[in-house]
Amino acid sequence: MKKIYFASLLVGAAMLASAPAFAVDSTGCGLGSMAWKGNSGIGPQVLAATTNGSFGTQTFGITFGTSGCDPNGRITGGTGRMMLAFLENNMEQFALDVAAGYGETIDTVAGILNVDSEEFGLKVQAQFAYLFADENVEAVDLTLKVLQLA
């Protein structure tokens, strides 16, 4: 019996130690995701996923556009989050590359979006005024606009 308790303790410790390895906000949309928004770690993620699954709020939210869900959204596997994180740290260089129609940041964003880099560069260059409407463009707004163009 002591072996079972010890094994349980080891599994629990391993889960807690690996909590930082889990992606933050990986539960999608739904009431559970909204209720536990901003929390990180395995506990809140499990509670959010359990709430979404137990009450069907994610399915309802996707169907009717509630609980942070978008019925017209696409499954991205975190693409938007990756691109937002990249653009937050590379806004200035991305603007320069978009103006030129090519560059490392365009190659990176095209890679994140899994699109052809040259075509993407031409597309964003043609839409420079739309993407960078003024000098105070926020990374979130830029990310949404780039996703629309992709």
N, C-alpha and C. Protein backbone atom coordinates (compact mmCIF):
# COMPACT_ATOMS: atom_id res chain seq x y z
N MET A 1 0.82 -1.19 0.00
CA MET A 1 0.00 0.00 0.00
C MET A 1 0.87 1.26 0.00
N LYS A 2 1.99 1.18 0.72
CA LYS A 2 2.89 2.32 0.76
C LYS A 2 3.47 2.61 -0.62
N LYS A 3 3.65 1.56 -1.42
CA LYS A 3 4.19 1.73 -2.76
C LYS A 3 3.22 2.52 -3.64
N ILE A 4 1.93 2.27 -3.47
CA ILE A 4 0.91 3.00 -4.25
C ILE A 4 0.92 4.47 -3.87
N TYR A 5 0.99 4.78 -2.59
CA TYR A 5 1.05 6.17 -2.15
C TYR A 5 2.31 6.86 -2.67
N PHE A 6 3.42 6.15 -2.60
CA PHE A 6 4.69 6.71 -3.06
C PHE A 6 4.64 6.97 -4.57
N ALA A 7 4.06 6.02 -5.32
CA ALA A 7 3.95 6.18 -6.77
C ALA A 7 3.04 7.36 -7.10
N SER A 8 1.95 7.50 -6.36
CA SER A 8 1.04 8.63 -6.56
C SER A 8 1.74 9.96 -6.28
N LEU A 9 2.53 9.96 -5.22
CA LEU A 9 3.29 11.16 -4.87
C LEU A 9 4.27 11.52 -5.97
N LEU A 10 4.95 10.53 -6.53
CA LEU A 10 5.90 10.79 -7.62
C LEU A 10 5.20 11.33 -8.87
N VAL A 11 4.07 10.74 -9.21
CA VAL A 11 3.32 11.20 -10.38
C VAL A 11 2.85 12.64 -10.16
N GLY A 12 2.32 12.93 -8.98
CA GLY A 12 1.88 14.29 -8.67
C GLY A 12 3.01 15.29 -8.72
N ALA A 13 4.16 14.92 -8.17
CA ALA A 13 5.32 15.81 -8.20
C ALA A 13 5.79 16.04 -9.63
N ALA A 14 5.76 15.00 -10.45
CA ALA A 14 6.16 15.15 -11.85
C ALA A 14 5.22 16.08 -12.60
N MET A 15 3.92 15.97 -12.29
CA MET A 15 2.95 16.86 -12.94
C MET A 15 3.18 18.30 -12.53
N LEU A 16 3.41 18.54 -11.28
CA LEU A 16 3.66 19.90 -10.82
C LEU A 16 4.95 20.46 -11.40
N ALA A 17 5.97 19.63 -11.47
CA ALA A 17 7.26 20.08 -12.01
C ALA A 17 7.16 20.38 -13.50
N SER A 18 6.28 19.66 -14.19
CA SER A 18 6.16 19.88 -15.63
C SER A 18 5.11 20.92 -15.98
N ALA A 19 4.45 21.51 -15.01
CA ALA A 19 3.40 22.50 -15.28
C ALA A 19 3.88 23.66 -16.14
N PRO A 20 5.09 24.19 -15.92
CA PRO A 20 5.53 25.28 -16.79
C PRO A 20 5.71 24.87 -18.24
N ALA A 21 5.82 23.59 -18.53
CA ALA A 21 6.00 23.14 -19.90
C ALA A 21 4.71 23.19 -20.70
N PHE A 22 3.57 23.29 -20.03
CA PHE A 22 2.31 23.36 -20.72
C PHE A 22 2.08 24.76 -21.28
N ALA A 23 1.44 24.84 -22.42
CA ALA A 23 1.16 26.14 -23.02
C ALA A 23 0.11 26.87 -22.20
N VAL A 24 0.29 28.14 -22.03
CA VAL A 24 -0.68 28.96 -21.32
C VAL A 24 -1.88 29.16 -22.23
N ASP A 25 -3.09 29.08 -21.68
CA ASP A 25 -4.33 29.29 -22.41
C ASP A 25 -4.47 28.31 -23.57
N SER A 26 -4.23 27.06 -23.31
CA SER A 26 -4.32 26.05 -24.35
C SER A 26 -5.66 25.34 -24.36
N THR A 27 -6.65 25.88 -23.62
CA THR A 27 -7.94 25.21 -23.53
C THR A 27 -8.96 25.72 -24.53
N GLY A 28 -8.61 26.69 -25.35
CA GLY A 28 -9.53 27.19 -26.35
C GLY A 28 -10.52 28.18 -25.77
N CYS A 29 -11.73 28.19 -26.31
CA CYS A 29 -12.76 29.10 -25.84
C CYS A 29 -13.79 28.32 -25.03
N GLY A 30 -14.71 29.03 -24.43
CA GLY A 30 -15.75 28.41 -23.62
C GLY A 30 -15.80 29.04 -22.24
N LEU A 31 -16.83 28.72 -21.50
CA LEU A 31 -17.03 29.30 -20.18
C LEU A 31 -15.87 28.98 -19.24
N GLY A 32 -15.36 27.75 -19.28
CA GLY A 32 -14.24 27.38 -18.43
C GLY A 32 -12.99 28.19 -18.74
N SER A 33 -12.75 28.42 -20.01
CA SER A 33 -11.59 29.21 -20.43
C SER A 33 -11.74 30.66 -19.97
N MET A 34 -12.95 31.17 -20.01
CA MET A 34 -13.18 32.55 -19.56
C MET A 34 -13.04 32.64 -18.04
N ALA A 35 -13.56 31.65 -17.33
CA ALA A 35 -13.53 31.69 -15.87
C ALA A 35 -12.11 31.60 -15.33
N TRP A 36 -11.24 30.87 -16.01
CA TRP A 36 -9.87 30.67 -15.53
C TRP A 36 -8.85 31.49 -16.33
N LYS A 37 -9.33 32.43 -17.14
CA LYS A 37 -8.46 33.25 -17.97
C LYS A 37 -7.42 33.99 -17.12
N GLY A 38 -6.19 34.01 -17.59
CA GLY A 38 -5.14 34.71 -16.88
C GLY A 38 -4.37 33.85 -15.90
N ASN A 39 -4.90 32.67 -15.58
CA ASN A 39 -4.20 31.75 -14.67
C ASN A 39 -3.32 30.83 -15.50
N SER A 40 -2.26 30.34 -14.89
CA SER A 40 -1.39 29.42 -15.60
C SER A 40 -1.11 28.21 -14.72
N GLY A 41 -0.60 27.19 -15.33
CA GLY A 41 -0.32 25.95 -14.61
C GLY A 41 -1.31 24.87 -14.97
N ILE A 42 -1.02 23.70 -14.52
CA ILE A 42 -1.85 22.55 -14.88
C ILE A 42 -3.23 22.59 -14.22
N GLY A 43 -3.29 23.07 -12.99
CA GLY A 43 -4.57 23.10 -12.28
C GLY A 43 -5.64 23.92 -12.99
N PRO A 44 -5.39 25.20 -13.26
CA PRO A 44 -6.39 25.99 -13.96
C PRO A 44 -6.72 25.47 -15.35
N GLN A 45 -5.72 24.91 -16.05
CA GLN A 45 -6.00 24.37 -17.38
C GLN A 45 -6.92 23.16 -17.30
N VAL A 46 -6.68 22.30 -16.34
CA VAL A 46 -7.54 21.13 -16.16
C VAL A 46 -8.95 21.56 -15.79
N LEU A 47 -9.06 22.53 -14.88
CA LEU A 47 -10.39 23.02 -14.48
C LEU A 47 -11.11 23.68 -15.66
N ALA A 48 -10.39 24.46 -16.46
CA ALA A 48 -11.01 25.10 -17.62
C ALA A 48 -11.49 24.06 -18.63
N ALA A 49 -10.64 23.09 -18.93
CA ALA A 49 -11.01 22.05 -19.89
C ALA A 49 -12.16 21.20 -19.36
N THR A 50 -12.14 20.90 -18.07
CA THR A 50 -13.21 20.11 -17.45
C THR A 50 -14.53 20.86 -17.51
N THR A 51 -14.50 22.15 -17.20
CA THR A 51 -15.71 22.97 -17.27
C THR A 51 -16.24 23.02 -18.69
N ASN A 52 -15.35 23.28 -19.65
CA ASN A 52 -15.77 23.33 -21.05
C ASN A 52 -16.38 22.00 -21.50
N GLY A 53 -15.74 20.89 -21.12
CA GLY A 53 -16.21 19.58 -21.54
C GLY A 53 -17.46 19.11 -20.81
N SER A 54 -17.53 19.38 -19.51
CA SER A 54 -18.64 18.89 -18.70
C SER A 54 -19.96 19.57 -19.03
N PHE A 55 -19.91 20.84 -19.33
CA PHE A 55 -21.13 21.60 -19.55
C PHE A 55 -21.40 21.92 -21.02
N GLY A 56 -20.51 21.53 -21.90
CA GLY A 56 -20.71 21.76 -23.33
C GLY A 56 -20.64 23.22 -23.73
N THR A 57 -19.99 24.03 -22.90
CA THR A 57 -19.97 25.47 -23.19
C THR A 57 -19.10 25.81 -24.38
N GLN A 58 -18.10 24.99 -24.68
CA GLN A 58 -17.26 25.27 -25.82
C GLN A 58 -18.04 25.04 -27.12
N THR A 59 -18.75 23.93 -27.20
CA THR A 59 -19.56 23.64 -28.38
C THR A 59 -20.65 24.69 -28.55
N PHE A 60 -21.31 25.04 -27.46
CA PHE A 60 -22.35 26.08 -27.51
C PHE A 60 -21.75 27.40 -27.95
N GLY A 61 -20.59 27.74 -27.39
CA GLY A 61 -19.94 29.01 -27.71
C GLY A 61 -19.53 29.09 -29.17
N ILE A 62 -19.01 28.00 -29.70
CA ILE A 62 -18.62 27.99 -31.12
C ILE A 62 -19.85 28.12 -32.00
N THR A 63 -20.92 27.44 -31.64
CA THR A 63 -22.14 27.47 -32.44
C THR A 63 -22.78 28.86 -32.46
N PHE A 64 -22.82 29.52 -31.29
CA PHE A 64 -23.55 30.78 -31.18
C PHE A 64 -22.66 32.00 -31.00
N GLY A 65 -21.35 31.82 -31.01
CA GLY A 65 -20.43 32.95 -30.91
C GLY A 65 -20.37 33.58 -29.53
N THR A 66 -20.54 32.78 -28.49
CA THR A 66 -20.48 33.29 -27.12
C THR A 66 -19.25 32.74 -26.41
N SER A 67 -19.02 33.17 -25.20
CA SER A 67 -17.95 32.66 -24.33
C SER A 67 -16.56 32.77 -24.95
N GLY A 68 -16.34 33.83 -25.71
CA GLY A 68 -15.04 34.04 -26.32
C GLY A 68 -14.78 33.22 -27.57
N CYS A 69 -15.81 32.56 -28.08
CA CYS A 69 -15.65 31.72 -29.28
C CYS A 69 -16.09 32.49 -30.52
N ASP A 70 -15.53 32.14 -31.64
CA ASP A 70 -15.87 32.77 -32.92
C ASP A 70 -16.36 31.69 -33.86
N PRO A 71 -17.65 31.70 -34.24
CA PRO A 71 -18.16 30.65 -35.13
C PRO A 71 -17.49 30.66 -36.50
N ASN A 72 -16.90 31.80 -36.89
CA ASN A 72 -16.22 31.89 -38.18
C ASN A 72 -14.71 31.71 -38.04
N GLY A 73 -14.26 31.42 -36.83
CA GLY A 73 -12.83 31.27 -36.59
C GLY A 73 -12.28 30.04 -37.27
N ARG A 74 -10.97 30.04 -37.41
CA ARG A 74 -10.35 28.87 -38.00
C ARG A 74 -9.44 28.22 -36.97
N ILE A 75 -9.21 26.96 -37.13
CA ILE A 75 -8.35 26.22 -36.22
C ILE A 75 -6.92 26.55 -36.58
N THR A 76 -6.20 27.15 -35.63
CA THR A 76 -4.87 27.63 -35.95
C THR A 76 -3.78 26.89 -35.21
N GLY A 77 -4.11 26.15 -34.18
CA GLY A 77 -3.09 25.46 -33.42
C GLY A 77 -2.11 26.41 -32.77
N GLY A 78 -2.57 27.59 -32.45
CA GLY A 78 -1.71 28.55 -31.78
C GLY A 78 -0.94 29.46 -32.72
N THR A 79 -1.25 29.41 -34.01
CA THR A 79 -0.55 30.22 -35.00
C THR A 79 -0.64 31.70 -34.66
N GLY A 80 -1.83 32.15 -34.32
CA GLY A 80 -2.02 33.57 -33.98
C GLY A 80 -1.20 33.98 -32.77
N ARG A 81 -1.15 33.12 -31.78
CA ARG A 81 -0.37 33.43 -30.58
C ARG A 81 1.12 33.48 -30.88
N MET A 82 1.58 32.55 -31.71
CA MET A 82 3.00 32.56 -32.08
C MET A 82 3.35 33.82 -32.84
N MET A 83 2.46 34.19 -33.78
CA MET A 83 2.74 35.37 -34.58
C MET A 83 2.68 36.63 -33.73
N LEU A 84 1.72 36.71 -32.82
CA LEU A 84 1.64 37.87 -31.92
C LEU A 84 2.91 37.99 -31.09
N ALA A 85 3.36 36.90 -30.53
CA ALA A 85 4.59 36.93 -29.73
C ALA A 85 5.77 37.39 -30.58
N PHE A 86 5.84 36.93 -31.81
CA PHE A 86 6.94 37.33 -32.69
C PHE A 86 6.84 38.81 -33.04
N LEU A 87 5.65 39.26 -33.42
CA LEU A 87 5.49 40.66 -33.84
C LEU A 87 5.69 41.64 -32.69
N GLU A 88 5.30 41.24 -31.48
CA GLU A 88 5.51 42.12 -30.32
C GLU A 88 6.99 42.46 -30.16
N ASN A 89 7.85 41.53 -30.50
CA ASN A 89 9.29 41.73 -30.34
C ASN A 89 9.99 42.22 -31.60
N ASN A 90 9.28 42.27 -32.72
CA ASN A 90 9.93 42.61 -34.00
C ASN A 90 9.13 43.60 -34.84
N MET A 91 8.33 44.43 -34.20
CA MET A 91 7.44 45.35 -34.93
C MET A 91 8.22 46.27 -35.89
N GLU A 92 9.26 46.88 -35.39
CA GLU A 92 10.00 47.85 -36.20
C GLU A 92 10.63 47.20 -37.43
N GLN A 93 11.29 46.08 -37.21
CA GLN A 93 11.93 45.39 -38.33
C GLN A 93 10.89 44.84 -39.30
N PHE A 94 9.75 44.37 -38.77
CA PHE A 94 8.70 43.86 -39.65
C PHE A 94 8.18 44.98 -40.54
N ALA A 95 7.99 46.19 -39.98
CA ALA A 95 7.53 47.33 -40.77
C ALA A 95 8.52 47.64 -41.89
N LEU A 96 9.80 47.62 -41.58
CA LEU A 96 10.82 47.88 -42.61
C LEU A 96 10.80 46.80 -43.69
N ASP A 97 10.66 45.54 -43.28
CA ASP A 97 10.62 44.45 -44.24
C ASP A 97 9.36 44.49 -45.09
N VAL A 98 8.24 44.86 -44.48
CA VAL A 98 6.98 44.96 -45.24
C VAL A 98 7.11 46.07 -46.28
N ALA A 99 7.72 47.18 -45.91
CA ALA A 99 7.91 48.27 -46.87
C ALA A 99 8.76 47.81 -48.06
N ALA A 100 9.75 46.95 -47.79
CA ALA A 100 10.62 46.44 -48.86
C ALA A 100 9.98 45.27 -49.61
N GLY A 101 9.09 44.53 -48.94
CA GLY A 101 8.45 43.37 -49.54
C GLY A 101 9.20 42.08 -49.33
N TYR A 102 10.28 42.13 -48.58
CA TYR A 102 11.07 40.93 -48.29
C TYR A 102 11.89 41.17 -47.03
N GLY A 103 12.42 40.09 -46.46
CA GLY A 103 13.26 40.21 -45.29
C GLY A 103 13.06 39.05 -44.34
N GLU A 104 13.89 39.00 -43.33
CA GLU A 104 13.86 37.89 -42.37
C GLU A 104 12.53 37.80 -41.63
N THR A 105 11.99 38.95 -41.22
CA THR A 105 10.73 38.89 -40.46
C THR A 105 9.58 38.43 -41.34
N ILE A 106 9.59 38.79 -42.60
CA ILE A 106 8.56 38.30 -43.52
C ILE A 106 8.72 36.80 -43.71
N ASP A 107 9.97 36.34 -43.85
CA ASP A 107 10.21 34.90 -43.97
C ASP A 107 9.71 34.16 -42.74
N THR A 108 9.94 34.73 -41.57
CA THR A 108 9.52 34.09 -40.32
C THR A 108 8.01 34.02 -40.22
N VAL A 109 7.34 35.15 -40.46
CA VAL A 109 5.87 35.17 -40.38
C VAL A 109 5.27 34.25 -41.44
N ALA A 110 5.83 34.25 -42.63
CA ALA A 110 5.35 33.33 -43.68
C ALA A 110 5.53 31.88 -43.23
N GLY A 111 6.63 31.60 -42.54
CA GLY A 111 6.84 30.25 -42.02
C GLY A 111 5.82 29.88 -40.96
N ILE A 112 5.52 30.83 -40.07
CA ILE A 112 4.51 30.58 -39.04
C ILE A 112 3.15 30.30 -39.68
N LEU A 113 2.85 31.07 -40.75
CA LEU A 113 1.56 30.92 -41.43
C LEU A 113 1.55 29.79 -42.45
N ASN A 114 2.73 29.23 -42.72
CA ASN A 114 2.87 28.16 -43.70
C ASN A 114 2.42 28.60 -45.09
N VAL A 115 2.91 29.78 -45.51
CA VAL A 115 2.62 30.31 -46.84
C VAL A 115 3.95 30.62 -47.53
N ASP A 116 3.89 30.81 -48.84
CA ASP A 116 5.07 31.14 -49.61
C ASP A 116 5.57 32.53 -49.23
N SER A 117 6.84 32.63 -48.91
CA SER A 117 7.44 33.86 -48.41
C SER A 117 7.42 34.98 -49.45
N GLU A 118 7.73 34.66 -50.71
CA GLU A 118 7.76 35.70 -51.75
C GLU A 118 6.37 36.26 -52.01
N GLU A 119 5.38 35.38 -52.15
CA GLU A 119 4.00 35.83 -52.37
C GLU A 119 3.50 36.64 -51.18
N PHE A 120 3.80 36.16 -49.99
CA PHE A 120 3.38 36.84 -48.78
C PHE A 120 4.02 38.23 -48.71
N GLY A 121 5.30 38.31 -49.04
CA GLY A 121 6.00 39.60 -49.03
C GLY A 121 5.36 40.60 -49.97
N LEU A 122 5.01 40.16 -51.17
CA LEU A 122 4.35 41.05 -52.13
C LEU A 122 2.97 41.48 -51.64
N LYS A 123 2.26 40.54 -51.04
CA LYS A 123 0.91 40.83 -50.54
C LYS A 123 0.94 41.86 -49.42
N VAL A 124 1.84 41.67 -48.43
CA VAL A 124 1.88 42.61 -47.31
C VAL A 124 2.46 43.95 -47.74
N GLN A 125 3.38 43.94 -48.71
CA GLN A 125 3.93 45.20 -49.21
C GLN A 125 2.83 46.04 -49.86
N ALA A 126 1.98 45.39 -50.64
CA ALA A 126 0.87 46.09 -51.28
C ALA A 126 -0.14 46.63 -50.26
N GLN A 127 -0.18 46.02 -49.08
CA GLN A 127 -1.13 46.42 -48.04
C GLN A 127 -0.45 47.18 -46.89
N PHE A 128 0.70 47.76 -47.14
CA PHE A 128 1.45 48.44 -46.09
C PHE A 128 0.60 49.49 -45.37
N ALA A 129 -0.10 50.33 -46.13
CA ALA A 129 -0.90 51.41 -45.53
C ALA A 129 -2.02 50.84 -44.65
N TYR A 130 -2.56 49.69 -45.02
CA TYR A 130 -3.60 49.04 -44.23
C TYR A 130 -3.00 48.46 -42.94
N LEU A 131 -1.85 47.81 -43.07
CA LEU A 131 -1.22 47.18 -41.91
C LEU A 131 -0.68 48.21 -40.92
N PHE A 132 -0.09 49.26 -41.44
CA PHE A 132 0.52 50.29 -40.60
C PHE A 132 -0.17 51.62 -40.87
N ALA A 133 -1.43 51.71 -40.41
CA ALA A 133 -2.25 52.89 -40.66
C ALA A 133 -1.66 54.14 -40.01
N ASP A 134 -0.98 53.99 -38.90
CA ASP A 134 -0.30 55.11 -38.25
C ASP A 134 0.91 54.57 -37.50
N GLU A 135 1.64 55.45 -36.86
CA GLU A 135 2.88 55.04 -36.19
C GLU A 135 2.65 54.34 -34.86
N ASN A 136 1.42 54.30 -34.38
CA ASN A 136 1.10 53.69 -33.08
C ASN A 136 0.37 52.36 -33.23
N VAL A 137 0.71 51.58 -34.23
CA VAL A 137 0.06 50.29 -34.47
C VAL A 137 0.39 49.35 -33.32
N GLU A 138 -0.63 48.69 -32.80
CA GLU A 138 -0.46 47.69 -31.74
C GLU A 138 -0.20 46.33 -32.37
N ALA A 139 0.61 45.52 -31.71
CA ALA A 139 0.95 44.20 -32.23
C ALA A 139 -0.29 43.32 -32.41
N VAL A 140 -1.26 43.46 -31.51
CA VAL A 140 -2.48 42.65 -31.60
C VAL A 140 -3.25 43.01 -32.88
N ASP A 141 -3.40 44.30 -33.14
CA ASP A 141 -4.11 44.74 -34.35
C ASP A 141 -3.37 44.30 -35.61
N LEU A 142 -2.06 44.44 -35.59
CA LEU A 142 -1.25 44.03 -36.74
C LEU A 142 -1.39 42.52 -36.97
N THR A 143 -1.36 41.75 -35.92
CA THR A 143 -1.50 40.30 -36.04
C THR A 143 -2.83 39.94 -36.67
N LEU A 144 -3.91 40.56 -36.22
CA LEU A 144 -5.23 40.27 -36.79
C LEU A 144 -5.30 40.65 -38.27
N LYS A 145 -4.71 41.77 -38.63
CA LYS A 145 -4.71 42.19 -40.03
C LYS A 145 -3.89 41.24 -40.90
N VAL A 146 -2.73 40.83 -40.40
CA VAL A 146 -1.89 39.90 -41.16
C VAL A 146 -2.61 38.56 -41.33
N LEU A 147 -3.28 38.09 -40.29
CA LEU A 147 -4.03 36.84 -40.39
C LEU A 147 -5.15 36.95 -41.44
N GLN A 148 -5.77 38.12 -41.54
CA GLN A 148 -6.80 38.32 -42.55
C GLN A 148 -6.22 38.26 -43.96
N LEU A 149 -5.02 38.78 -44.12
CA LEU A 149 -4.38 38.78 -45.44
C LEU A 149 -3.87 37.41 -45.85
N ALA A 150 -3.52 36.60 -44.87
CA ALA A 150 -2.97 35.28 -45.17
C ALA A 150 -4.05 34.40 -45.70
